[in-house]
Amino acid sequence: MSLPHRESGRRSYASKEALRQLLNPLVRVLSRLRVRPNTLTVTGWVLSVAAAILFGAGYVRLAGAVMLLGGLFDALDGAVARESNRMSSFGAFLDSTLDRLSEAAIFVGMIFLYATRDHPYLALLAATAMTFSLLTSYTRARAEGLGMECRVGILERAGRVVLLSAFSILGLLWVGLALVASGALITTLQRILHVRRSTTRA
């Protein structure tokens, strides 16, 4: 029963390693320039809020591009913190908190877009994607609060950002939302089952 989780964990680790290698030159430059990780975190959040406003205003393709740029800053802050040895508890807290605010803002922008264009079912789809996206993060945080690792699941935040950004740029936002909603639902269930197995064994 645990094999699918191990396989998804390996794929997630491999993709993260590939991204880390790709960003390493930029990470080193930012570290040498003594750019603060928290500055990158806040910049990513500002870009996400800008993307949310653009979604709400109907500039879907541009919003997708801005959202992708915000995701880049989100990937850089932790890497720069490690490279420059500036890791801190507050930095980790700020990163997690602004990640949730960024994600919620973007989904609210999408819900507003569909609500004002009289597409109630697409607004409902966006709300569903938001609910399960936030739940994937909550289940991991709650499990870690209980002292358990909970990195299982097929779709983490980086994957959600890439899917929504890519399909927005292609003009197929609803497809990205459908994929994120289903992937986040599956991930939430995977994490619930993972914690249940872990607590049952304990």
N, C-alpha and C. Protein backbone atom coordinates (compact mmCIF):
# COMPACT_ATOMS: atom_id res chain seq x y z
N MET A 1 0.81 -1.22 0.00
CA MET A 1 0.00 0.00 0.00
C MET A 1 0.85 1.27 0.00
N SER A 2 2.07 1.17 0.54
CA SER A 2 2.88 2.38 0.65
C SER A 2 3.71 2.64 -0.60
N LEU A 3 3.72 1.70 -1.56
CA LEU A 3 4.55 1.86 -2.74
C LEU A 3 4.22 3.11 -3.54
N PRO A 4 2.94 3.42 -3.83
CA PRO A 4 2.66 4.64 -4.58
C PRO A 4 3.19 5.89 -3.90
N HIS A 5 3.16 5.93 -2.57
CA HIS A 5 3.67 7.10 -1.86
C HIS A 5 5.17 7.21 -2.01
N ARG A 6 5.87 6.07 -1.96
CA ARG A 6 7.32 6.11 -2.15
C ARG A 6 7.66 6.58 -3.54
N GLU A 7 6.89 6.10 -4.55
CA GLU A 7 7.18 6.49 -5.93
C GLU A 7 6.92 7.97 -6.15
N SER A 8 5.80 8.47 -5.61
CA SER A 8 5.50 9.89 -5.77
C SER A 8 6.52 10.73 -5.01
N GLY A 9 6.99 10.22 -3.87
CA GLY A 9 8.01 10.92 -3.11
C GLY A 9 9.31 11.01 -3.89
N ARG A 10 9.69 9.92 -4.57
CA ARG A 10 10.91 9.93 -5.38
C ARG A 10 10.79 10.92 -6.54
N ARG A 11 9.62 10.92 -7.21
CA ARG A 11 9.42 11.85 -8.32
C ARG A 11 9.48 13.28 -7.84
N SER A 12 8.86 13.55 -6.69
CA SER A 12 8.87 14.90 -6.14
C SER A 12 10.29 15.33 -5.80
N TYR A 13 11.06 14.41 -5.18
CA TYR A 13 12.44 14.72 -4.81
C TYR A 13 13.27 14.97 -6.05
N ALA A 14 13.09 14.14 -7.10
CA ALA A 14 13.87 14.30 -8.33
C ALA A 14 13.56 15.63 -9.01
N SER A 15 12.29 16.01 -9.04
CA SER A 15 11.93 17.28 -9.68
C SER A 15 12.48 18.46 -8.89
N LYS A 16 12.46 18.35 -7.56
CA LYS A 16 13.01 19.43 -6.73
C LYS A 16 14.52 19.55 -6.94
N GLU A 17 15.20 18.42 -7.04
CA GLU A 17 16.64 18.45 -7.27
C GLU A 17 16.97 19.07 -8.62
N ALA A 18 16.16 18.73 -9.65
CA ALA A 18 16.39 19.29 -10.98
C ALA A 18 16.20 20.81 -10.96
N LEU A 19 15.15 21.27 -10.27
CA LEU A 19 14.91 22.71 -10.16
C LEU A 19 16.03 23.39 -9.39
N ARG A 20 16.50 22.72 -8.33
CA ARG A 20 17.59 23.30 -7.53
C ARG A 20 18.86 23.47 -8.35
N GLN A 21 19.19 22.48 -9.16
CA GLN A 21 20.37 22.56 -10.02
C GLN A 21 20.23 23.68 -11.04
N LEU A 22 19.01 23.83 -11.56
CA LEU A 22 18.75 24.87 -12.56
C LEU A 22 18.90 26.27 -11.97
N LEU A 23 18.47 26.43 -10.73
CA LEU A 23 18.49 27.75 -10.09
C LEU A 23 19.78 28.08 -9.37
N ASN A 24 20.66 27.09 -9.23
CA ASN A 24 21.89 27.28 -8.44
C ASN A 24 22.71 28.50 -8.85
N PRO A 25 22.95 28.75 -10.16
CA PRO A 25 23.73 29.95 -10.52
C PRO A 25 23.10 31.24 -10.03
N LEU A 26 21.78 31.37 -10.19
CA LEU A 26 21.08 32.56 -9.72
C LEU A 26 21.11 32.67 -8.20
N VAL A 27 21.00 31.53 -7.53
CA VAL A 27 21.05 31.51 -6.06
C VAL A 27 22.41 32.03 -5.58
N ARG A 28 23.48 31.59 -6.23
CA ARG A 28 24.82 32.03 -5.83
C ARG A 28 24.99 33.53 -6.04
N VAL A 29 24.48 34.03 -7.16
CA VAL A 29 24.59 35.47 -7.44
C VAL A 29 23.84 36.27 -6.37
N LEU A 30 22.62 35.87 -6.06
CA LEU A 30 21.83 36.58 -5.06
C LEU A 30 22.48 36.51 -3.68
N SER A 31 23.10 35.38 -3.38
CA SER A 31 23.80 35.25 -2.09
C SER A 31 24.99 36.17 -2.02
N ARG A 32 25.75 36.26 -3.12
CA ARG A 32 26.91 37.15 -3.13
C ARG A 32 26.49 38.61 -3.02
N LEU A 33 25.33 38.93 -3.60
CA LEU A 33 24.81 40.29 -3.50
C LEU A 33 24.17 40.58 -2.15
N ARG A 34 24.15 39.56 -1.29
CA ARG A 34 23.61 39.67 0.06
C ARG A 34 22.13 40.08 0.07
N VAL A 35 21.40 39.54 -0.90
CA VAL A 35 19.95 39.75 -0.93
C VAL A 35 19.33 38.93 0.19
N ARG A 36 18.49 39.56 0.98
CA ARG A 36 17.88 38.87 2.11
C ARG A 36 16.80 37.90 1.64
N PRO A 37 16.79 36.68 2.19
CA PRO A 37 15.74 35.72 1.82
C PRO A 37 14.33 36.25 2.06
N ASN A 38 14.15 36.98 3.17
CA ASN A 38 12.81 37.52 3.47
C ASN A 38 12.37 38.55 2.42
N THR A 39 13.34 39.24 1.83
CA THR A 39 13.03 40.18 0.75
C THR A 39 12.48 39.44 -0.46
N LEU A 40 13.08 38.29 -0.76
CA LEU A 40 12.60 37.46 -1.87
C LEU A 40 11.21 36.92 -1.57
N THR A 41 10.98 36.52 -0.32
CA THR A 41 9.68 36.01 0.09
C THR A 41 8.59 37.06 -0.11
N VAL A 42 8.85 38.27 0.36
CA VAL A 42 7.86 39.34 0.26
C VAL A 42 7.65 39.74 -1.20
N THR A 43 8.73 39.74 -1.99
CA THR A 43 8.61 40.07 -3.42
C THR A 43 7.73 39.05 -4.12
N GLY A 44 7.92 37.77 -3.82
CA GLY A 44 7.07 36.73 -4.40
C GLY A 44 5.61 36.93 -4.04
N TRP A 45 5.36 37.33 -2.78
CA TRP A 45 3.99 37.58 -2.34
C TRP A 45 3.38 38.76 -3.09
N VAL A 46 4.15 39.84 -3.25
CA VAL A 46 3.65 41.02 -3.98
C VAL A 46 3.30 40.64 -5.41
N LEU A 47 4.14 39.86 -6.06
CA LEU A 47 3.86 39.43 -7.43
C LEU A 47 2.61 38.56 -7.50
N SER A 48 2.41 37.71 -6.49
CA SER A 48 1.21 36.87 -6.45
C SER A 48 -0.05 37.71 -6.30
N VAL A 49 0.01 38.74 -5.45
CA VAL A 49 -1.13 39.64 -5.29
C VAL A 49 -1.40 40.39 -6.60
N ALA A 50 -0.33 40.80 -7.28
CA ALA A 50 -0.49 41.45 -8.58
C ALA A 50 -1.16 40.51 -9.58
N ALA A 51 -0.74 39.24 -9.56
CA ALA A 51 -1.36 38.24 -10.44
C ALA A 51 -2.83 38.06 -10.11
N ALA A 52 -3.16 38.07 -8.82
CA ALA A 52 -4.55 37.93 -8.40
C ALA A 52 -5.40 39.08 -8.93
N ILE A 53 -4.86 40.30 -8.86
CA ILE A 53 -5.58 41.47 -9.37
C ILE A 53 -5.77 41.35 -10.88
N LEU A 54 -4.73 40.89 -11.58
CA LEU A 54 -4.83 40.72 -13.03
C LEU A 54 -5.85 39.65 -13.41
N PHE A 55 -5.89 38.55 -12.64
CA PHE A 55 -6.91 37.54 -12.88
C PHE A 55 -8.30 38.15 -12.73
N GLY A 56 -8.51 38.88 -11.63
CA GLY A 56 -9.81 39.48 -11.39
C GLY A 56 -10.22 40.46 -12.46
N ALA A 57 -9.22 41.14 -13.05
CA ALA A 57 -9.50 42.12 -14.09
C ALA A 57 -9.66 41.49 -15.47
N GLY A 58 -9.39 40.19 -15.57
CA GLY A 58 -9.58 39.50 -16.84
C GLY A 58 -8.35 39.34 -17.69
N TYR A 59 -7.19 39.78 -17.21
CA TYR A 59 -5.95 39.63 -17.98
C TYR A 59 -5.30 38.28 -17.62
N VAL A 60 -5.92 37.22 -18.10
CA VAL A 60 -5.57 35.88 -17.64
C VAL A 60 -4.17 35.48 -18.07
N ARG A 61 -3.81 35.70 -19.32
CA ARG A 61 -2.48 35.29 -19.80
C ARG A 61 -1.37 36.06 -19.07
N LEU A 62 -1.55 37.36 -18.93
CA LEU A 62 -0.55 38.16 -18.21
C LEU A 62 -0.48 37.74 -16.75
N ALA A 63 -1.64 37.47 -16.17
CA ALA A 63 -1.68 37.02 -14.77
C ALA A 63 -0.90 35.72 -14.60
N GLY A 64 -1.03 34.82 -15.56
CA GLY A 64 -0.29 33.56 -15.49
C GLY A 64 1.21 33.77 -15.51
N ALA A 65 1.66 34.71 -16.36
CA ALA A 65 3.10 35.00 -16.44
C ALA A 65 3.61 35.62 -15.14
N VAL A 66 2.83 36.55 -14.57
CA VAL A 66 3.24 37.18 -13.31
C VAL A 66 3.23 36.16 -12.18
N MET A 67 2.25 35.28 -12.20
CA MET A 67 2.17 34.22 -11.18
C MET A 67 3.39 33.31 -11.25
N LEU A 68 3.81 32.98 -12.47
CA LEU A 68 5.00 32.12 -12.64
C LEU A 68 6.25 32.81 -12.11
N LEU A 69 6.35 34.12 -12.35
CA LEU A 69 7.48 34.89 -11.83
C LEU A 69 7.46 34.90 -10.30
N GLY A 70 6.28 35.07 -9.73
CA GLY A 70 6.16 35.01 -8.27
C GLY A 70 6.58 33.66 -7.73
N GLY A 71 6.23 32.59 -8.46
CA GLY A 71 6.64 31.24 -8.06
C GLY A 71 8.15 31.08 -8.08
N LEU A 72 8.81 31.78 -9.00
CA LEU A 72 10.27 31.72 -9.06
C LEU A 72 10.88 32.30 -7.78
N PHE A 73 10.36 33.43 -7.33
CA PHE A 73 10.86 34.02 -6.09
C PHE A 73 10.59 33.10 -4.90
N ASP A 74 9.45 32.41 -4.95
CA ASP A 74 9.11 31.47 -3.88
C ASP A 74 10.11 30.31 -3.83
N ALA A 75 10.60 29.91 -5.01
CA ALA A 75 11.59 28.84 -5.06
C ALA A 75 12.98 29.33 -4.64
N LEU A 76 13.23 30.62 -4.81
CA LEU A 76 14.56 31.16 -4.53
C LEU A 76 14.80 31.47 -3.06
N ASP A 77 13.76 31.87 -2.32
CA ASP A 77 14.01 32.37 -0.96
C ASP A 77 14.65 31.33 -0.06
N GLY A 78 14.13 30.12 -0.06
CA GLY A 78 14.70 29.08 0.78
C GLY A 78 16.10 28.68 0.34
N ALA A 79 16.31 28.63 -0.99
CA ALA A 79 17.63 28.25 -1.51
C ALA A 79 18.67 29.30 -1.15
N VAL A 80 18.30 30.57 -1.25
CA VAL A 80 19.24 31.64 -0.90
C VAL A 80 19.52 31.62 0.60
N ALA A 81 18.49 31.32 1.40
CA ALA A 81 18.68 31.24 2.85
C ALA A 81 19.70 30.15 3.19
N ARG A 82 19.61 29.01 2.52
CA ARG A 82 20.56 27.92 2.78
C ARG A 82 21.96 28.27 2.28
N GLU A 83 22.02 28.85 1.09
CA GLU A 83 23.32 29.18 0.48
C GLU A 83 24.07 30.22 1.30
N SER A 84 23.34 31.22 1.81
CA SER A 84 23.98 32.31 2.56
C SER A 84 23.98 32.07 4.07
N ASN A 85 23.49 30.90 4.47
CA ASN A 85 23.42 30.54 5.89
C ASN A 85 22.62 31.58 6.69
N ARG A 86 21.47 31.96 6.12
CA ARG A 86 20.60 32.93 6.78
C ARG A 86 19.25 32.30 7.15
N MET A 87 19.24 31.03 7.40
CA MET A 87 18.00 30.35 7.76
C MET A 87 17.57 30.78 9.16
N SER A 88 16.27 30.98 9.34
CA SER A 88 15.75 31.38 10.64
C SER A 88 14.35 30.84 10.81
N SER A 89 13.93 30.70 12.04
CA SER A 89 12.57 30.23 12.32
C SER A 89 11.54 31.23 11.81
N PHE A 90 11.82 32.53 12.00
CA PHE A 90 10.87 33.53 11.51
C PHE A 90 10.78 33.50 9.99
N GLY A 91 11.92 33.31 9.33
CA GLY A 91 11.92 33.25 7.87
C GLY A 91 11.06 32.10 7.37
N ALA A 92 11.17 30.94 8.02
CA ALA A 92 10.36 29.78 7.63
C ALA A 92 8.88 30.06 7.88
N PHE A 93 8.57 30.70 9.01
CA PHE A 93 7.19 31.05 9.34
C PHE A 93 6.63 32.05 8.34
N LEU A 94 7.41 33.08 8.03
CA LEU A 94 6.97 34.10 7.07
C LEU A 94 6.73 33.49 5.70
N ASP A 95 7.62 32.62 5.27
CA ASP A 95 7.50 31.96 3.97
C ASP A 95 6.21 31.16 3.89
N SER A 96 5.94 30.33 4.89
CA SER A 96 4.74 29.51 4.89
C SER A 96 3.47 30.36 4.94
N THR A 97 3.49 31.40 5.76
CA THR A 97 2.31 32.25 5.90
C THR A 97 2.01 33.00 4.60
N LEU A 98 3.03 33.60 3.99
CA LEU A 98 2.80 34.35 2.76
C LEU A 98 2.48 33.42 1.59
N ASP A 99 2.98 32.19 1.62
CA ASP A 99 2.59 31.21 0.60
C ASP A 99 1.09 30.99 0.62
N ARG A 100 0.54 30.81 1.83
CA ARG A 100 -0.91 30.59 1.94
C ARG A 100 -1.69 31.82 1.49
N LEU A 101 -1.22 33.01 1.90
CA LEU A 101 -1.88 34.24 1.49
C LEU A 101 -1.81 34.43 -0.03
N SER A 102 -0.67 34.11 -0.61
CA SER A 102 -0.50 34.24 -2.06
C SER A 102 -1.46 33.33 -2.80
N GLU A 103 -1.51 32.08 -2.35
CA GLU A 103 -2.36 31.11 -3.03
C GLU A 103 -3.83 31.48 -2.90
N ALA A 104 -4.23 31.88 -1.71
CA ALA A 104 -5.63 32.27 -1.51
C ALA A 104 -5.99 33.48 -2.36
N ALA A 105 -5.09 34.46 -2.42
CA ALA A 105 -5.36 35.67 -3.20
C ALA A 105 -5.56 35.34 -4.67
N ILE A 106 -4.71 34.47 -5.21
CA ILE A 106 -4.82 34.11 -6.62
C ILE A 106 -6.14 33.40 -6.91
N PHE A 107 -6.52 32.48 -6.05
CA PHE A 107 -7.80 31.80 -6.26
C PHE A 107 -8.97 32.76 -6.13
N VAL A 108 -8.89 33.69 -5.20
CA VAL A 108 -9.96 34.68 -5.05
C VAL A 108 -10.08 35.51 -6.33
N GLY A 109 -8.95 35.86 -6.92
CA GLY A 109 -8.96 36.58 -8.19
C GLY A 109 -9.65 35.78 -9.28
N MET A 110 -9.39 34.49 -9.33
CA MET A 110 -10.02 33.63 -10.33
C MET A 110 -11.53 33.48 -10.08
N ILE A 111 -11.89 33.32 -8.81
CA ILE A 111 -13.31 33.22 -8.46
C ILE A 111 -14.04 34.50 -8.86
N PHE A 112 -13.42 35.65 -8.58
CA PHE A 112 -14.02 36.93 -8.94
C PHE A 112 -14.18 37.04 -10.45
N LEU A 113 -13.17 36.61 -11.19
CA LEU A 113 -13.22 36.63 -12.66
C LEU A 113 -14.45 35.89 -13.17
N TYR A 114 -14.62 34.65 -12.71
CA TYR A 114 -15.73 33.84 -13.20
C TYR A 114 -17.08 34.32 -12.67
N ALA A 115 -17.10 34.84 -11.45
CA ALA A 115 -18.36 35.33 -10.88
C ALA A 115 -18.86 36.55 -11.64
N THR A 116 -17.96 37.46 -12.00
CA THR A 116 -18.36 38.67 -12.71
C THR A 116 -18.69 38.39 -14.18
N ARG A 117 -18.23 37.26 -14.70
CA ARG A 117 -18.55 36.90 -16.08
C ARG A 117 -19.69 35.90 -16.17
N ASP A 118 -20.36 35.70 -15.03
CA ASP A 118 -21.54 34.84 -14.98
C ASP A 118 -21.22 33.40 -15.39
N HIS A 119 -20.12 32.88 -14.82
CA HIS A 119 -19.75 31.47 -15.01
C HIS A 119 -19.74 30.80 -13.64
N PRO A 120 -20.91 30.52 -13.06
CA PRO A 120 -20.97 30.02 -11.68
C PRO A 120 -20.26 28.69 -11.47
N TYR A 121 -20.33 27.81 -12.47
CA TYR A 121 -19.70 26.50 -12.29
C TYR A 121 -18.17 26.59 -12.33
N LEU A 122 -17.65 27.50 -13.13
CA LEU A 122 -16.21 27.71 -13.14
C LEU A 122 -15.75 28.40 -11.86
N ALA A 123 -16.59 29.29 -11.32
CA ALA A 123 -16.28 29.90 -10.02
C ALA A 123 -16.26 28.83 -8.94
N LEU A 124 -17.21 27.89 -9.03
CA LEU A 124 -17.24 26.77 -8.07
C LEU A 124 -16.00 25.89 -8.22
N LEU A 125 -15.56 25.67 -9.46
CA LEU A 125 -14.34 24.88 -9.71
C LEU A 125 -13.13 25.57 -9.08
N ALA A 126 -13.04 26.89 -9.23
CA ALA A 126 -11.92 27.63 -8.64
C ALA A 126 -11.97 27.55 -7.12
N ALA A 127 -13.17 27.64 -6.55
CA ALA A 127 -13.31 27.54 -5.09
C ALA A 127 -12.92 26.15 -4.60
N THR A 128 -13.26 25.12 -5.38
CA THR A 128 -12.89 23.74 -5.02
C THR A 128 -11.38 23.57 -5.07
N ALA A 129 -10.76 24.10 -6.12
CA ALA A 129 -9.30 24.01 -6.24
C ALA A 129 -8.62 24.73 -5.08
N MET A 130 -9.17 25.89 -4.68
CA MET A 130 -8.60 26.63 -3.55
C MET A 130 -8.73 25.83 -2.26
N THR A 131 -9.89 25.23 -2.05
CA THR A 131 -10.14 24.49 -0.80
C THR A 131 -9.14 23.36 -0.64
N PHE A 132 -8.99 22.53 -1.66
CA PHE A 132 -8.10 21.37 -1.52
C PHE A 132 -6.63 21.75 -1.61
N SER A 133 -6.31 22.85 -2.30
CA SER A 133 -4.92 23.32 -2.32
C SER A 133 -4.50 23.75 -0.92
N LEU A 134 -5.37 24.51 -0.25
CA LEU A 134 -5.05 24.94 1.12
C LEU A 134 -5.04 23.75 2.08
N LEU A 135 -5.90 22.76 1.82
CA LEU A 135 -5.93 21.58 2.67
C LEU A 135 -4.66 20.75 2.56
N THR A 136 -4.06 20.69 1.37
CA THR A 136 -2.80 19.94 1.24
C THR A 136 -1.73 20.54 2.14
N SER A 137 -1.70 21.87 2.18
CA SER A 137 -0.72 22.54 3.04
C SER A 137 -1.07 22.35 4.51
N TYR A 138 -2.36 22.44 4.84
CA TYR A 138 -2.77 22.30 6.24
C TYR A 138 -2.48 20.90 6.76
N THR A 139 -2.78 19.86 5.97
CA THR A 139 -2.56 18.50 6.44
C THR A 139 -1.08 18.24 6.72
N ARG A 140 -0.22 18.78 5.87
CA ARG A 140 1.22 18.61 6.12
C ARG A 140 1.64 19.35 7.38
N ALA A 141 1.18 20.61 7.53
CA ALA A 141 1.54 21.39 8.71
C ALA A 141 1.02 20.75 9.99
N ARG A 142 -0.20 20.23 9.93
CA ARG A 142 -0.79 19.60 11.13
C ARG A 142 -0.03 18.33 11.49
N ALA A 143 0.33 17.54 10.48
CA ALA A 143 1.09 16.32 10.73
C ALA A 143 2.46 16.64 11.32
N GLU A 144 3.12 17.65 10.77
CA GLU A 144 4.44 18.02 11.28
C GLU A 144 4.32 18.58 12.70
N GLY A 145 3.19 19.22 13.00
CA GLY A 145 2.95 19.68 14.36
C GLY A 145 2.82 18.54 15.35
N LEU A 146 2.44 17.36 14.83
CA LEU A 146 2.34 16.16 15.66
C LEU A 146 3.64 15.35 15.64
N GLY A 147 4.66 15.91 14.97
CA GLY A 147 5.97 15.25 14.95
C GLY A 147 6.15 14.22 13.86
N MET A 148 5.33 14.29 12.78
CA MET A 148 5.43 13.32 11.70
C MET A 148 5.81 14.00 10.39
N GLU A 149 6.64 13.34 9.60
CA GLU A 149 6.92 13.80 8.24
C GLU A 149 5.69 13.56 7.38
N CYS A 150 5.37 14.51 6.50
CA CYS A 150 4.19 14.33 5.65
C CYS A 150 4.43 14.99 4.29
N ARG A 151 5.41 14.47 3.58
CA ARG A 151 5.76 15.03 2.27
C ARG A 151 5.20 14.19 1.13
N VAL A 152 4.26 13.31 1.42
CA VAL A 152 3.69 12.45 0.38
C VAL A 152 2.69 13.25 -0.45
N GLY A 153 2.33 12.71 -1.62
CA GLY A 153 1.32 13.35 -2.43
C GLY A 153 1.81 13.67 -3.83
N ILE A 154 0.88 13.68 -4.76
CA ILE A 154 1.24 13.86 -6.17
C ILE A 154 1.36 15.32 -6.59
N LEU A 155 0.82 16.26 -5.80
CA LEU A 155 0.80 17.65 -6.25
C LEU A 155 1.06 18.60 -5.08
N GLU A 156 2.28 19.13 -5.03
CA GLU A 156 2.62 20.12 -4.01
C GLU A 156 2.48 21.52 -4.59
N ARG A 157 2.82 22.52 -3.80
CA ARG A 157 2.59 23.91 -4.21
C ARG A 157 3.27 24.27 -5.53
N ALA A 158 4.53 23.86 -5.69
CA ALA A 158 5.25 24.20 -6.93
C ALA A 158 4.52 23.66 -8.15
N GLY A 159 4.01 22.44 -8.05
CA GLY A 159 3.27 21.86 -9.16
C GLY A 159 1.98 22.61 -9.45
N ARG A 160 1.31 23.05 -8.39
CA ARG A 160 0.08 23.82 -8.57
C ARG A 160 0.36 25.14 -9.28
N VAL A 161 1.44 25.80 -8.88
CA VAL A 161 1.81 27.07 -9.51
C VAL A 161 2.11 26.88 -10.99
N VAL A 162 2.87 25.84 -11.31
CA VAL A 162 3.25 25.59 -12.70
C VAL A 162 2.02 25.28 -13.55
N LEU A 163 1.13 24.41 -13.04
CA LEU A 163 -0.08 24.06 -13.78
C LEU A 163 -0.96 25.28 -14.05
N LEU A 164 -1.24 26.04 -13.00
CA LEU A 164 -2.12 27.20 -13.17
C LEU A 164 -1.48 28.25 -14.07
N SER A 165 -0.18 28.49 -13.89
CA SER A 165 0.51 29.48 -14.72
C SER A 165 0.51 29.06 -16.19
N ALA A 166 0.89 27.81 -16.44
CA ALA A 166 1.02 27.33 -17.81
C ALA A 166 -0.32 27.37 -18.54
N PHE A 167 -1.37 26.87 -17.91
CA PHE A 167 -2.67 26.84 -18.58
C PHE A 167 -3.30 28.22 -18.67
N SER A 168 -2.95 29.13 -17.77
CA SER A 168 -3.41 30.51 -17.89
C SER A 168 -2.77 31.17 -19.11
N ILE A 169 -1.47 30.98 -19.26
CA ILE A 169 -0.75 31.55 -20.40
C ILE A 169 -1.29 30.99 -21.71
N LEU A 170 -1.71 29.72 -21.69
CA LEU A 170 -2.28 29.10 -22.89
C LEU A 170 -3.73 29.49 -23.12
N GLY A 171 -4.31 30.23 -22.17
CA GLY A 171 -5.71 30.61 -22.30
C GLY A 171 -6.68 29.51 -21.91
N LEU A 172 -6.21 28.54 -21.14
CA LEU A 172 -7.03 27.40 -20.73
C LEU A 172 -7.04 27.29 -19.20
N LEU A 173 -7.35 28.38 -18.56
CA LEU A 173 -7.32 28.42 -17.10
C LEU A 173 -8.19 27.34 -16.48
N TRP A 174 -9.37 27.10 -17.04
CA TRP A 174 -10.29 26.12 -16.44
C TRP A 174 -9.68 24.73 -16.43
N VAL A 175 -8.86 24.41 -17.43
CA VAL A 175 -8.19 23.10 -17.47
C VAL A 175 -7.19 23.01 -16.31
N GLY A 176 -6.41 24.06 -16.11
CA GLY A 176 -5.47 24.09 -15.00
C GLY A 176 -6.18 23.96 -13.66
N LEU A 177 -7.32 24.63 -13.53
CA LEU A 177 -8.09 24.54 -12.29
C LEU A 177 -8.61 23.12 -12.06
N ALA A 178 -9.07 22.48 -13.11
CA ALA A 178 -9.57 21.11 -12.97
C ALA A 178 -8.45 20.17 -12.55
N LEU A 179 -7.27 20.34 -13.13
CA LEU A 179 -6.13 19.48 -12.78
C LEU A 179 -5.68 19.74 -11.35
N VAL A 180 -5.65 21.01 -10.96
CA VAL A 180 -5.24 21.35 -9.59
C VAL A 180 -6.25 20.85 -8.58
N ALA A 181 -7.54 21.02 -8.87
CA ALA A 181 -8.58 20.56 -7.94
C ALA A 181 -8.48 19.06 -7.72
N SER A 182 -8.36 18.29 -8.81
CA SER A 182 -8.28 16.83 -8.67
C SER A 182 -6.97 16.40 -8.03
N GLY A 183 -5.85 17.03 -8.44
CA GLY A 183 -4.56 16.67 -7.87
C GLY A 183 -4.46 17.02 -6.40
N ALA A 184 -5.01 18.17 -6.02
CA ALA A 184 -4.98 18.57 -4.61
C ALA A 184 -5.88 17.69 -3.76
N LEU A 185 -7.02 17.28 -4.32
CA LEU A 185 -7.91 16.36 -3.60
C LEU A 185 -7.20 15.04 -3.33
N ILE A 186 -6.56 14.49 -4.36
CA ILE A 186 -5.84 13.23 -4.21
C ILE A 186 -4.71 13.38 -3.19
N THR A 187 -3.98 14.48 -3.26
CA THR A 187 -2.88 14.72 -2.33
C THR A 187 -3.37 14.82 -0.90
N THR A 188 -4.50 15.50 -0.70
CA THR A 188 -5.09 15.61 0.64
C THR A 188 -5.43 14.23 1.19
N LEU A 189 -6.05 13.40 0.35
CA LEU A 189 -6.41 12.04 0.78
C LEU A 189 -5.16 11.21 1.06
N GLN A 190 -4.14 11.34 0.22
CA GLN A 190 -2.89 10.61 0.44
C GLN A 190 -2.28 10.98 1.79
N ARG A 191 -2.33 12.24 2.14
CA ARG A 191 -1.73 12.68 3.39
C ARG A 191 -2.55 12.23 4.60
N ILE A 192 -3.87 12.24 4.46
CA ILE A 192 -4.72 11.74 5.54
C ILE A 192 -4.44 10.26 5.78
N LEU A 193 -4.35 9.48 4.71
CA LEU A 193 -4.07 8.05 4.84
C LEU A 193 -2.68 7.80 5.39
N HIS A 194 -1.73 8.63 4.97
CA HIS A 194 -0.35 8.50 5.47
C HIS A 194 -0.30 8.72 6.98
N VAL A 195 -0.97 9.77 7.46
CA VAL A 195 -0.98 10.05 8.90
C VAL A 195 -1.74 8.95 9.64
N ARG A 196 -2.81 8.45 9.05
CA ARG A 196 -3.57 7.36 9.71
C ARG A 196 -2.70 6.13 9.87
N ARG A 197 -1.96 5.77 8.82
CA ARG A 197 -1.07 4.61 8.91
C ARG A 197 0.03 4.83 9.93
N SER A 198 0.58 6.06 9.92
CA SER A 198 1.68 6.36 10.85
C SER A 198 1.21 6.30 12.29
N THR A 199 0.03 6.83 12.58
CA THR A 199 -0.47 6.82 13.95
C THR A 199 -0.95 5.43 14.37
N THR A 200 -1.42 4.65 13.41
CA THR A 200 -1.85 3.29 13.73
C THR A 200 -0.65 2.42 14.10
N ARG A 201 0.45 2.59 13.34
CA ARG A 201 1.69 1.84 13.64
C ARG A 201 2.24 2.24 14.98
N ALA A 202 2.13 3.56 15.29
CA ALA A 202 2.66 4.04 16.57
C ALA A 202 1.86 3.48 17.73
